[in-house]
Amino acid sequence: ILDMLRSLEPDLIVLAGFLWKIPEAITNAFPNKIINIHPALLPKYGGKGMYGMHVHNAVKEAKETETGITIHYVNAHYDEGAIIQQVKTVVNPKDSPEEIASKVHLLEYEFFPKVIDELLSKQ
């Protein structure tokens, strides 16, 4: 895969909630060129196994008053790359995990394409 990616000379590699850990050989070959989106305000609710409804259930159980999205560079560790942008939304006490997920999805749909465009326009 690394050789194929190198041959493509990508300006940006976009992962959209990709759950597999990216091998260090790839993250080292493309520093600050691989981005992902996470459905929480990292570093909270990040790491292996923290995705989708697992995150939203944890936010609800912790009685958080806000959550959001984190768009970040990908490095060799789950959800630990440099943060590019975070966007918050309010969590109301009566919100269900499904309602929290819906709020987060709206942020993802609005802001991920904008960040991608901004990063590509800087190159």
N, C-alpha and C. Protein backbone atom coordinates (compact mmCIF):
# COMPACT_ATOMS: atom_id res chain seq x y z
N ILE A 1 0.83 -1.19 0.00
CA ILE A 1 0.00 0.00 0.00
C ILE A 1 0.87 1.26 0.00
N LEU A 2 1.95 1.23 0.76
CA LEU A 2 2.82 2.40 0.85
C LEU A 2 3.36 2.78 -0.52
N ASP A 3 3.84 1.80 -1.28
CA ASP A 3 4.37 2.10 -2.62
C ASP A 3 3.29 2.67 -3.52
N MET A 4 2.08 2.14 -3.43
CA MET A 4 0.99 2.65 -4.25
C MET A 4 0.68 4.10 -3.87
N LEU A 5 0.60 4.38 -2.58
CA LEU A 5 0.33 5.74 -2.14
C LEU A 5 1.42 6.70 -2.60
N ARG A 6 2.66 6.28 -2.47
CA ARG A 6 3.77 7.13 -2.92
C ARG A 6 3.67 7.42 -4.41
N SER A 7 3.29 6.41 -5.19
CA SER A 7 3.19 6.60 -6.64
C SER A 7 2.09 7.60 -7.01
N LEU A 8 1.08 7.71 -6.17
CA LEU A 8 -0.02 8.64 -6.43
C LEU A 8 0.33 10.09 -6.06
N GLU A 9 1.34 10.27 -5.23
CA GLU A 9 1.75 11.59 -4.76
C GLU A 9 0.56 12.42 -4.27
N PRO A 10 -0.17 11.92 -3.30
CA PRO A 10 -1.39 12.62 -2.86
C PRO A 10 -1.09 13.95 -2.17
N ASP A 11 -1.96 14.91 -2.41
CA ASP A 11 -1.89 16.17 -1.69
C ASP A 11 -2.44 16.00 -0.28
N LEU A 12 -3.42 15.11 -0.16
CA LEU A 12 -4.08 14.88 1.12
C LEU A 12 -4.70 13.49 1.09
N ILE A 13 -4.63 12.80 2.20
CA ILE A 13 -5.28 11.50 2.35
C ILE A 13 -6.36 11.69 3.41
N VAL A 14 -7.61 11.52 3.00
CA VAL A 14 -8.74 11.80 3.87
C VAL A 14 -9.38 10.50 4.34
N LEU A 15 -9.41 10.33 5.64
CA LEU A 15 -10.09 9.20 6.26
C LEU A 15 -11.35 9.75 6.89
N ALA A 16 -12.45 9.11 6.69
CA ALA A 16 -13.72 9.59 7.25
C ALA A 16 -14.21 8.58 8.28
N GLY A 17 -13.72 8.72 9.50
CA GLY A 17 -14.10 7.78 10.54
C GLY A 17 -13.48 6.42 10.35
N PHE A 18 -12.33 6.38 9.72
CA PHE A 18 -11.62 5.12 9.46
C PHE A 18 -11.20 4.51 10.78
N LEU A 19 -11.50 3.24 10.99
CA LEU A 19 -11.31 2.63 12.31
C LEU A 19 -10.00 1.87 12.49
N TRP A 20 -9.32 1.58 11.40
CA TRP A 20 -8.08 0.82 11.53
C TRP A 20 -6.92 1.74 11.86
N LYS A 21 -5.99 1.22 12.62
CA LYS A 21 -4.78 1.97 12.93
C LYS A 21 -3.91 2.00 11.67
N ILE A 22 -3.46 3.18 11.31
CA ILE A 22 -2.62 3.34 10.13
C ILE A 22 -1.19 2.98 10.52
N PRO A 23 -0.54 2.11 9.74
CA PRO A 23 0.83 1.71 10.07
C PRO A 23 1.77 2.92 10.13
N GLU A 24 2.71 2.85 11.04
CA GLU A 24 3.65 3.95 11.23
C GLU A 24 4.44 4.26 9.97
N ALA A 25 4.73 3.25 9.16
CA ALA A 25 5.45 3.50 7.91
C ALA A 25 4.68 4.46 7.01
N ILE A 26 3.36 4.35 7.03
CA ILE A 26 2.53 5.24 6.19
C ILE A 26 2.44 6.62 6.83
N THR A 27 2.20 6.69 8.13
CA THR A 27 2.11 8.01 8.77
C THR A 27 3.43 8.76 8.67
N ASN A 28 4.55 8.04 8.76
CA ASN A 28 5.86 8.68 8.62
C ASN A 28 6.12 9.16 7.20
N ALA A 29 5.60 8.42 6.22
CA ALA A 29 5.81 8.79 4.82
C ALA A 29 4.96 9.99 4.40
N PHE A 30 3.87 10.23 5.11
CA PHE A 30 2.94 11.31 4.75
C PHE A 30 2.62 12.18 5.97
N PRO A 31 3.64 12.81 6.57
CA PRO A 31 3.37 13.64 7.74
C PRO A 31 2.48 14.83 7.38
N ASN A 32 1.49 15.07 8.20
CA ASN A 32 0.55 16.18 8.00
C ASN A 32 -0.15 16.13 6.64
N LYS A 33 -0.33 14.92 6.14
CA LYS A 33 -1.08 14.75 4.89
C LYS A 33 -2.23 13.76 5.05
N ILE A 34 -2.36 13.15 6.22
CA ILE A 34 -3.44 12.20 6.48
C ILE A 34 -4.32 12.83 7.56
N ILE A 35 -5.62 12.96 7.25
CA ILE A 35 -6.53 13.53 8.24
C ILE A 35 -7.70 12.57 8.49
N ASN A 36 -8.29 12.72 9.66
CA ASN A 36 -9.45 11.92 10.03
C ASN A 36 -10.38 12.81 10.85
N ILE A 37 -11.57 12.32 11.07
CA ILE A 37 -12.55 13.03 11.88
C ILE A 37 -13.00 12.11 13.00
N HIS A 38 -13.17 12.68 14.18
CA HIS A 38 -13.59 11.90 15.35
C HIS A 38 -14.84 12.55 15.94
N PRO A 39 -15.81 11.73 16.37
CA PRO A 39 -17.09 12.27 16.84
C PRO A 39 -17.11 12.69 18.31
N ALA A 40 -16.04 13.33 18.75
CA ALA A 40 -15.97 13.85 20.11
C ALA A 40 -14.89 14.92 20.15
N LEU A 41 -14.81 15.60 21.27
CA LEU A 41 -13.81 16.64 21.46
C LEU A 41 -12.57 15.99 22.08
N LEU A 42 -11.67 15.56 21.22
CA LEU A 42 -10.45 14.92 21.70
C LEU A 42 -9.68 15.89 22.60
N PRO A 43 -9.01 15.39 23.62
CA PRO A 43 -8.66 14.00 23.85
C PRO A 43 -9.74 13.16 24.54
N LYS A 44 -10.85 13.79 24.92
CA LYS A 44 -11.93 13.00 25.54
C LYS A 44 -12.49 12.00 24.54
N TYR A 45 -12.80 10.84 25.03
CA TYR A 45 -13.51 9.81 24.27
C TYR A 45 -12.79 9.41 22.98
N GLY A 46 -11.47 9.37 23.06
CA GLY A 46 -10.68 8.92 21.92
C GLY A 46 -10.01 7.60 22.23
N GLY A 47 -9.34 7.07 21.24
CA GLY A 47 -8.58 5.84 21.41
C GLY A 47 -9.29 4.64 20.83
N LYS A 48 -8.62 3.52 20.93
CA LYS A 48 -9.13 2.27 20.37
C LYS A 48 -10.49 1.94 20.97
N GLY A 49 -11.43 1.60 20.12
CA GLY A 49 -12.76 1.20 20.55
C GLY A 49 -13.73 2.36 20.75
N MET A 50 -13.23 3.58 20.66
CA MET A 50 -14.09 4.75 20.84
C MET A 50 -14.49 5.30 19.47
N TYR A 51 -15.62 4.82 19.00
CA TYR A 51 -16.15 5.26 17.71
C TYR A 51 -17.67 5.16 17.75
N GLY A 52 -18.30 5.90 16.85
CA GLY A 52 -19.75 5.81 16.68
C GLY A 52 -20.52 5.92 17.99
N MET A 53 -21.49 5.03 18.15
CA MET A 53 -22.37 5.09 19.31
C MET A 53 -21.64 4.82 20.62
N HIS A 54 -20.49 4.16 20.58
CA HIS A 54 -19.70 3.99 21.81
C HIS A 54 -19.36 5.36 22.40
N VAL A 55 -18.99 6.28 21.52
CA VAL A 55 -18.64 7.64 21.96
C VAL A 55 -19.88 8.35 22.50
N HIS A 56 -20.96 8.31 21.77
CA HIS A 56 -22.16 9.05 22.17
C HIS A 56 -22.77 8.50 23.46
N ASN A 57 -22.72 7.18 23.63
CA ASN A 57 -23.17 6.58 24.89
C ASN A 57 -22.30 7.04 26.05
N ALA A 58 -20.98 7.11 25.83
CA ALA A 58 -20.06 7.55 26.88
C ALA A 58 -20.30 9.01 27.24
N VAL A 59 -20.56 9.84 26.24
CA VAL A 59 -20.85 11.26 26.48
C VAL A 59 -22.11 11.38 27.34
N LYS A 60 -23.13 10.62 27.01
CA LYS A 60 -24.39 10.64 27.77
C LYS A 60 -24.17 10.16 29.20
N GLU A 61 -23.48 9.04 29.35
CA GLU A 61 -23.24 8.47 30.68
C GLU A 61 -22.43 9.42 31.57
N ALA A 62 -21.53 10.19 30.96
CA ALA A 62 -20.70 11.12 31.73
C ALA A 62 -21.42 12.44 32.02
N LYS A 63 -22.64 12.55 31.49
CA LYS A 63 -23.44 13.78 31.69
C LYS A 63 -22.70 15.03 31.19
N GLU A 64 -22.03 14.87 30.05
CA GLU A 64 -21.34 16.02 29.44
C GLU A 64 -22.36 17.07 29.03
N THR A 65 -21.97 18.32 29.08
CA THR A 65 -22.85 19.41 28.64
C THR A 65 -22.52 19.86 27.23
N GLU A 66 -21.42 19.35 26.70
CA GLU A 66 -21.07 19.64 25.31
C GLU A 66 -20.30 18.47 24.73
N THR A 67 -20.36 18.38 23.43
CA THR A 67 -19.58 17.41 22.68
C THR A 67 -19.29 18.07 21.34
N GLY A 68 -18.83 17.30 20.39
CA GLY A 68 -18.55 17.89 19.09
C GLY A 68 -17.73 16.98 18.22
N ILE A 69 -16.99 17.61 17.33
CA ILE A 69 -16.13 16.86 16.42
C ILE A 69 -14.71 17.37 16.53
N THR A 70 -13.79 16.49 16.20
CA THR A 70 -12.38 16.85 16.10
C THR A 70 -11.87 16.37 14.75
N ILE A 71 -11.35 17.30 13.99
CA ILE A 71 -10.68 16.96 12.73
C ILE A 71 -9.19 17.06 13.05
N HIS A 72 -8.46 15.98 12.76
CA HIS A 72 -7.07 15.92 13.21
C HIS A 72 -6.19 15.21 12.20
N TYR A 73 -4.90 15.50 12.30
CA TYR A 73 -3.92 14.75 11.51
C TYR A 73 -3.79 13.37 12.14
N VAL A 74 -3.45 12.42 11.32
CA VAL A 74 -3.29 11.04 11.77
C VAL A 74 -1.81 10.77 12.00
N ASN A 75 -1.52 10.20 13.16
CA ASN A 75 -0.16 9.73 13.42
C ASN A 75 -0.23 8.24 13.77
N ALA A 76 0.80 7.71 14.36
CA ALA A 76 0.87 6.27 14.61
C ALA A 76 0.00 5.81 15.78
N HIS A 77 -0.66 6.73 16.47
CA HIS A 77 -1.48 6.38 17.63
C HIS A 77 -2.93 6.81 17.40
N TYR A 78 -3.85 6.00 17.89
CA TYR A 78 -5.27 6.31 17.73
C TYR A 78 -5.61 7.70 18.29
N ASP A 79 -6.15 8.55 17.45
CA ASP A 79 -6.74 9.83 17.87
C ASP A 79 -5.78 10.75 18.61
N GLU A 80 -4.48 10.65 18.33
CA GLU A 80 -3.51 11.48 19.03
C GLU A 80 -2.81 12.48 18.13
N GLY A 81 -3.15 12.54 16.86
CA GLY A 81 -2.51 13.49 15.96
C GLY A 81 -2.91 14.92 16.27
N ALA A 82 -2.14 15.85 15.76
CA ALA A 82 -2.40 17.27 16.00
C ALA A 82 -3.81 17.65 15.54
N ILE A 83 -4.46 18.43 16.37
CA ILE A 83 -5.83 18.86 16.08
C ILE A 83 -5.82 20.00 15.07
N ILE A 84 -6.62 19.84 14.02
CA ILE A 84 -6.78 20.88 13.01
C ILE A 84 -7.93 21.79 13.39
N GLN A 85 -9.06 21.20 13.75
CA GLN A 85 -10.23 22.00 14.14
C GLN A 85 -11.14 21.17 15.05
N GLN A 86 -11.72 21.86 16.02
CA GLN A 86 -12.78 21.27 16.84
C GLN A 86 -14.00 22.18 16.76
N VAL A 87 -15.16 21.57 16.72
CA VAL A 87 -16.42 22.31 16.71
C VAL A 87 -17.32 21.68 17.77
N LYS A 88 -17.92 22.53 18.59
CA LYS A 88 -18.73 22.06 19.71
C LYS A 88 -20.22 22.20 19.44
N THR A 89 -20.98 21.38 20.16
CA THR A 89 -22.43 21.49 20.20
C THR A 89 -22.88 21.21 21.63
N VAL A 90 -24.02 21.74 21.99
CA VAL A 90 -24.56 21.58 23.34
C VAL A 90 -25.20 20.20 23.47
N VAL A 91 -24.99 19.59 24.62
CA VAL A 91 -25.69 18.35 24.98
C VAL A 91 -26.67 18.71 26.08
N ASN A 92 -27.94 18.54 25.81
CA ASN A 92 -28.98 18.80 26.81
C ASN A 92 -29.16 17.55 27.67
N PRO A 93 -29.52 17.73 28.94
CA PRO A 93 -29.68 16.58 29.83
C PRO A 93 -30.65 15.51 29.30
N LYS A 94 -31.64 15.93 28.54
CA LYS A 94 -32.62 14.96 28.03
C LYS A 94 -32.23 14.35 26.69
N ASP A 95 -31.12 14.78 26.10
CA ASP A 95 -30.69 14.21 24.82
C ASP A 95 -30.36 12.73 24.98
N SER A 96 -30.85 11.92 24.08
CA SER A 96 -30.49 10.51 24.03
C SER A 96 -29.17 10.38 23.28
N PRO A 97 -28.49 9.24 23.39
CA PRO A 97 -27.29 9.04 22.59
C PRO A 97 -27.56 9.21 21.09
N GLU A 98 -28.73 8.80 20.64
CA GLU A 98 -29.07 8.95 19.23
C GLU A 98 -29.21 10.43 18.84
N GLU A 99 -29.78 11.22 19.74
CA GLU A 99 -29.90 12.66 19.48
C GLU A 99 -28.53 13.33 19.49
N ILE A 100 -27.68 12.88 20.38
CA ILE A 100 -26.30 13.39 20.41
C ILE A 100 -25.61 13.05 19.10
N ALA A 101 -25.76 11.82 18.65
CA ALA A 101 -25.16 11.40 17.38
C ALA A 101 -25.65 12.26 16.22
N SER A 102 -26.92 12.57 16.20
CA SER A 102 -27.49 13.40 15.14
C SER A 102 -26.86 14.79 15.13
N LYS A 103 -26.69 15.38 16.29
CA LYS A 103 -26.05 16.70 16.38
C LYS A 103 -24.62 16.64 15.87
N VAL A 104 -23.92 15.59 16.25
CA VAL A 104 -22.53 15.44 15.83
C VAL A 104 -22.44 15.23 14.32
N HIS A 105 -23.34 14.42 13.78
CA HIS A 105 -23.33 14.19 12.32
C HIS A 105 -23.52 15.49 11.56
N LEU A 106 -24.40 16.35 12.03
CA LEU A 106 -24.60 17.63 11.35
C LEU A 106 -23.31 18.44 11.32
N LEU A 107 -22.57 18.42 12.40
CA LEU A 107 -21.28 19.12 12.43
C LEU A 107 -20.30 18.49 11.45
N GLU A 108 -20.27 17.16 11.41
CA GLU A 108 -19.37 16.47 10.48
C GLU A 108 -19.66 16.87 9.04
N TYR A 109 -20.93 16.84 8.67
CA TYR A 109 -21.32 17.15 7.29
C TYR A 109 -20.98 18.58 6.92
N GLU A 110 -21.09 19.49 7.89
CA GLU A 110 -20.83 20.90 7.60
C GLU A 110 -19.34 21.23 7.56
N PHE A 111 -18.59 20.72 8.53
CA PHE A 111 -17.22 21.21 8.71
C PHE A 111 -16.13 20.37 8.06
N PHE A 112 -16.32 19.07 7.90
CA PHE A 112 -15.25 18.26 7.31
C PHE A 112 -14.94 18.70 5.88
N PRO A 113 -15.95 18.89 5.02
CA PRO A 113 -15.63 19.35 3.66
C PRO A 113 -14.93 20.72 3.65
N LYS A 114 -15.30 21.61 4.55
CA LYS A 114 -14.67 22.93 4.62
C LYS A 114 -13.19 22.82 4.98
N VAL A 115 -12.88 21.98 5.95
CA VAL A 115 -11.49 21.81 6.36
C VAL A 115 -10.69 21.17 5.23
N ILE A 116 -11.25 20.20 4.56
CA ILE A 116 -10.56 19.58 3.43
C ILE A 116 -10.25 20.63 2.37
N ASP A 117 -11.23 21.44 2.01
CA ASP A 117 -11.02 22.51 1.03
C ASP A 117 -9.92 23.47 1.48
N GLU A 118 -9.95 23.86 2.74
CA GLU A 118 -8.95 24.79 3.27
C GLU A 118 -7.55 24.19 3.18
N LEU A 119 -7.41 22.93 3.57
CA LEU A 119 -6.10 22.29 3.52
C LEU A 119 -5.59 22.17 2.09
N LEU A 120 -6.46 21.82 1.17
CA LEU A 120 -6.05 21.69 -0.23
C LEU A 120 -5.70 23.04 -0.84
N SER A 121 -6.37 24.09 -0.43
CA SER A 121 -6.10 25.41 -1.00
C SER A 121 -4.77 25.98 -0.51
N LYS A 122 -4.24 25.46 0.59
CA LYS A 122 -2.95 25.91 1.12
C LYS A 122 -1.76 25.28 0.40
N GLN A 123 -2.03 24.29 -0.44
CA GLN A 123 -0.92 23.57 -1.08
C GLN A 123 -0.55 24.16 -2.41
